[in-house]
């Protein structure tokens, strides 16, 4: 399932009390599950592998917005990192998307402050 970035971004921006990466995780999980008002714990559970959320955090911290803006697909993801984090290609790209949306949230919040 492809993530609708704009929809996830809008939802995440409404979660003002959450850190940007947590808000991104919740928004993406809500989109994947069709459920609303998830807690962070519930959102991580929906991702199907705790490593997805952990990897999203790593990518968020270690990569810039510009790096994350590059397309992640089955042919372009970092296979070595995926092995290290014990995720498959789709899980890696999901983590990549969450990290990207996290950066998008930060950028939007900074421009609003």
C-alpha atoms as a PDB file:
ATOM      1  CA  UNK A   1       0.000   0.000   0.000  1.00  0.00           C
ATOM      2  CA  UNK A   2       1.361   3.405  -0.931  1.00  0.00           C
ATOM      3  CA  UNK A   3       1.256   6.085   1.726  1.00  0.00           C
ATOM      4  CA  UNK A   4      -0.531   9.318   0.861  1.00  0.00           C
ATOM      5  CA  UNK A   5       2.128  11.732   2.135  1.00  0.00           C
ATOM      6  CA  UNK A   6      -0.082  14.815   2.121  1.00  0.00           C
ATOM      7  CA  UNK A   7      -2.809  13.074   4.075  1.00  0.00           C
ATOM      8  CA  UNK A   8      -0.288  11.655   6.565  1.00  0.00           C
ATOM      9  CA  UNK A   9       1.356  15.063   6.888  1.00  0.00           C
ATOM     10  CA  UNK A  10      -1.977  16.766   7.590  1.00  0.00           C
ATOM     11  CA  UNK A  11      -2.900  14.177  10.202  1.00  0.00           C
ATOM     12  CA  UNK A  12       0.536  14.320  11.828  1.00  0.00           C
ATOM     13  CA  UNK A  13       0.526  18.116  11.989  1.00  0.00           C
ATOM     14  CA  UNK A  14      -2.734  17.903  13.937  1.00  0.00           C
ATOM     15  CA  UNK A  15      -0.910  15.845  16.580  1.00  0.00           C
ATOM     16  CA  UNK A  16       0.700  18.920  18.106  1.00  0.00           C
ATOM     17  CA  UNK A  17       1.677  17.238  21.379  1.00  0.00           C
ATOM     18  CA  UNK A  18       3.684  14.506  19.639  1.00  0.00           C
ATOM     19  CA  UNK A  19       7.305  14.719  18.516  1.00  0.00           C
ATOM     20  CA  UNK A  20       7.535  14.868  14.732  1.00  0.00           C
ATOM     21  CA  UNK A  21       8.719  11.276  14.244  1.00  0.00           C
ATOM     22  CA  UNK A  22       6.086   9.916  16.644  1.00  0.00           C
ATOM     23  CA  UNK A  23       3.390  11.915  14.869  1.00  0.00           C
ATOM     24  CA  UNK A  24       4.577  10.545  11.516  1.00  0.00           C
ATOM     25  CA  UNK A  25       4.516   6.995  12.869  1.00  0.00           C
ATOM     26  CA  UNK A  26       0.981   7.413  14.182  1.00  0.00           C
ATOM     27  CA  UNK A  27      -0.286   9.054  10.982  1.00  0.00           C
ATOM     28  CA  UNK A  28       1.186   6.353   8.747  1.00  0.00           C
ATOM     29  CA  UNK A  29      -0.130   3.543  10.973  1.00  0.00           C
ATOM     30  CA  UNK A  30      -3.593   5.099  10.993  1.00  0.00           C
ATOM     31  CA  UNK A  31      -3.496   5.229   7.216  1.00  0.00           C
ATOM     32  CA  UNK A  32      -2.377   1.588   6.976  1.00  0.00           C
ATOM     33  CA  UNK A  33      -4.962   0.324   9.464  1.00  0.00           C
ATOM     34  CA  UNK A  34      -7.894   2.596   8.717  1.00  0.00           C
ATOM     35  CA  UNK A  35      -8.164   3.236  12.472  1.00  0.00           C
ATOM     36  CA  UNK A  36      -8.140   6.648  14.133  1.00  0.00           C
ATOM     37  CA  UNK A  37      -6.728   8.055  17.366  1.00  0.00           C
ATOM     38  CA  UNK A  38      -3.999   5.461  17.794  1.00  0.00           C
ATOM     39  CA  UNK A  39      -1.454   5.710  20.559  1.00  0.00           C
ATOM     40  CA  UNK A  40       2.206   5.461  19.626  1.00  0.00           C
ATOM     41  CA  UNK A  41       2.344   1.916  21.014  1.00  0.00           C
ATOM     42  CA  UNK A  42      -0.657   0.857  18.948  1.00  0.00           C
ATOM     43  CA  UNK A  43       0.874   2.507  15.873  1.00  0.00           C
ATOM     44  CA  UNK A  44       4.165   0.638  16.286  1.00  0.00           C
ATOM     45  CA  UNK A  45       2.202  -2.616  16.642  1.00  0.00           C
ATOM     46  CA  UNK A  46       0.394  -1.952  13.366  1.00  0.00           C
ATOM     47  CA  UNK A  47       3.727  -1.598  11.557  1.00  0.00           C
ATOM     48  CA  UNK A  48       4.135  -5.326  12.165  1.00  0.00           C
ATOM     49  CA  UNK A  49       7.755  -5.211  13.281  1.00  0.00           C
ATOM     50  CA  UNK A  50       9.200  -3.048  16.075  1.00  0.00           C
ATOM     51  CA  UNK A  51      12.335  -2.740  13.966  1.00  0.00           C
ATOM     52  CA  UNK A  52      10.412  -0.627  11.429  1.00  0.00           C
ATOM     53  CA  UNK A  53       9.860   2.103  14.013  1.00  0.00           C
ATOM     54  CA  UNK A  54      13.439   1.812  15.262  1.00  0.00           C
ATOM     55  CA  UNK A  55      14.799   2.003  11.714  1.00  0.00           C
ATOM     56  CA  UNK A  56      12.590   5.027  11.011  1.00  0.00           C
ATOM     57  CA  UNK A  57      14.203   6.726  13.994  1.00  0.00           C
ATOM     58  CA  UNK A  58      17.675   5.847  12.771  1.00  0.00           C
ATOM     59  CA  UNK A  59      16.953   7.125   9.255  1.00  0.00           C
ATOM     60  CA  UNK A  60      15.344  10.280  10.649  1.00  0.00           C
ATOM     61  CA  UNK A  61      18.461  11.039  12.690  1.00  0.00           C
ATOM     62  CA  UNK A  62      21.083   9.986  10.160  1.00  0.00           C
ATOM     63  CA  UNK A  63      19.663  11.242   6.862  1.00  0.00           C
ATOM     64  CA  UNK A  64      18.700  14.695   5.688  1.00  0.00           C
ATOM     65  CA  UNK A  65      15.351  15.653   4.219  1.00  0.00           C
ATOM     66  CA  UNK A  66      16.964  15.767   0.768  1.00  0.00           C
ATOM     67  CA  UNK A  67      18.360  12.249   1.142  1.00  0.00           C
ATOM     68  CA  UNK A  68      15.038  10.889   2.349  1.00  0.00           C
ATOM     69  CA  UNK A  69      13.188  12.639  -0.479  1.00  0.00           C
ATOM     70  CA  UNK A  70      14.811  10.172  -2.891  1.00  0.00           C
ATOM     71  CA  UNK A  71      12.500   7.349  -3.936  1.00  0.00           C
ATOM     72  CA  UNK A  72      12.698   4.161  -1.924  1.00  0.00           C
ATOM     73  CA  UNK A  73      11.661   1.052  -3.803  1.00  0.00           C
ATOM     74  CA  UNK A  74      12.627  -2.607  -4.103  1.00  0.00           C
ATOM     75  CA  UNK A  75      15.615  -1.732  -6.286  1.00  0.00           C
ATOM     76  CA  UNK A  76      16.943   1.341  -4.494  1.00  0.00           C
ATOM     77  CA  UNK A  77      16.730   0.624  -0.774  1.00  0.00           C
ATOM     78  CA  UNK A  78      19.831   0.014   1.353  1.00  0.00           C
ATOM     79  CA  UNK A  79      20.058  -3.781   1.455  1.00  0.00           C
ATOM     80  CA  UNK A  80      22.877  -3.758   4.002  1.00  0.00           C
ATOM     81  CA  UNK A  81      20.886  -1.608   6.444  1.00  0.00           C
ATOM     82  CA  UNK A  82      17.807  -3.742   5.880  1.00  0.00           C
ATOM     83  CA  UNK A  83      19.795  -6.838   6.863  1.00  0.00           C
ATOM     84  CA  UNK A  84      21.194  -5.107   9.939  1.00  0.00           C
ATOM     85  CA  UNK A  85      17.708  -4.062  11.057  1.00  0.00           C
ATOM     86  CA  UNK A  86      16.136  -7.424  10.042  1.00  0.00           C
ATOM     87  CA  UNK A  87      13.498  -5.863   7.799  1.00  0.00           C
ATOM     88  CA  UNK A  88      12.465  -6.684   4.253  1.00  0.00           C
ATOM     89  CA  UNK A  89      12.361  -4.214   1.365  1.00  0.00           C
ATOM     90  CA  UNK A  90       8.771  -3.096   1.974  1.00  0.00           C
ATOM     91  CA  UNK A  91       9.405  -2.594   5.699  1.00  0.00           C
ATOM     92  CA  UNK A  92      12.589  -0.650   4.951  1.00  0.00           C
ATOM     93  CA  UNK A  93      10.719   1.635   2.558  1.00  0.00           C
ATOM     94  CA  UNK A  94       7.931   2.074   5.119  1.00  0.00           C
ATOM     95  CA  UNK A  95      10.512   3.188   7.697  1.00  0.00           C
ATOM     96  CA  UNK A  96      12.025   5.474   5.064  1.00  0.00           C
ATOM     97  CA  UNK A  97       8.608   7.024   4.405  1.00  0.00           C
ATOM     98  CA  UNK A  98       7.952   7.566   8.123  1.00  0.00           C
ATOM     99  CA  UNK A  99      11.345   9.264   8.505  1.00  0.00           C
ATOM    100  CA  UNK A 100      10.653  11.478   5.487  1.00  0.00           C
ATOM    101  CA  UNK A 101       7.245  12.502   6.821  1.00  0.00           C
ATOM    102  CA  UNK A 102       8.894  13.200  10.178  1.00  0.00           C
ATOM    103  CA  UNK A 103      11.258  15.631   8.466  1.00  0.00           C
ATOM    104  CA  UNK A 104       8.359  17.178   6.550  1.00  0.00           C
ATOM    105  CA  UNK A 105       6.562  17.779   9.855  1.00  0.00           C
ATOM    106  CA  UNK A 106       9.630  19.448  11.343  1.00  0.00           C
ATOM    107  CA  UNK A 107       9.982  21.716   8.331  1.00  0.00           C
ATOM    108  CA  UNK A 108       6.299  22.716   8.492  1.00  0.00           C
ATOM    109  CA  UNK A 109       6.397  23.306  12.247  1.00  0.00           C
ATOM    110  CA  UNK A 110       9.528  25.437  11.970  1.00  0.00           C
ATOM    111  CA  UNK A 111       7.950  27.611   9.302  1.00  0.00           C
ATOM    112  CA  UNK A 112       4.840  28.103  11.439  1.00  0.00           C
ATOM    113  CA  UNK A 113       6.698  29.105  14.609  1.00  0.00           C
END
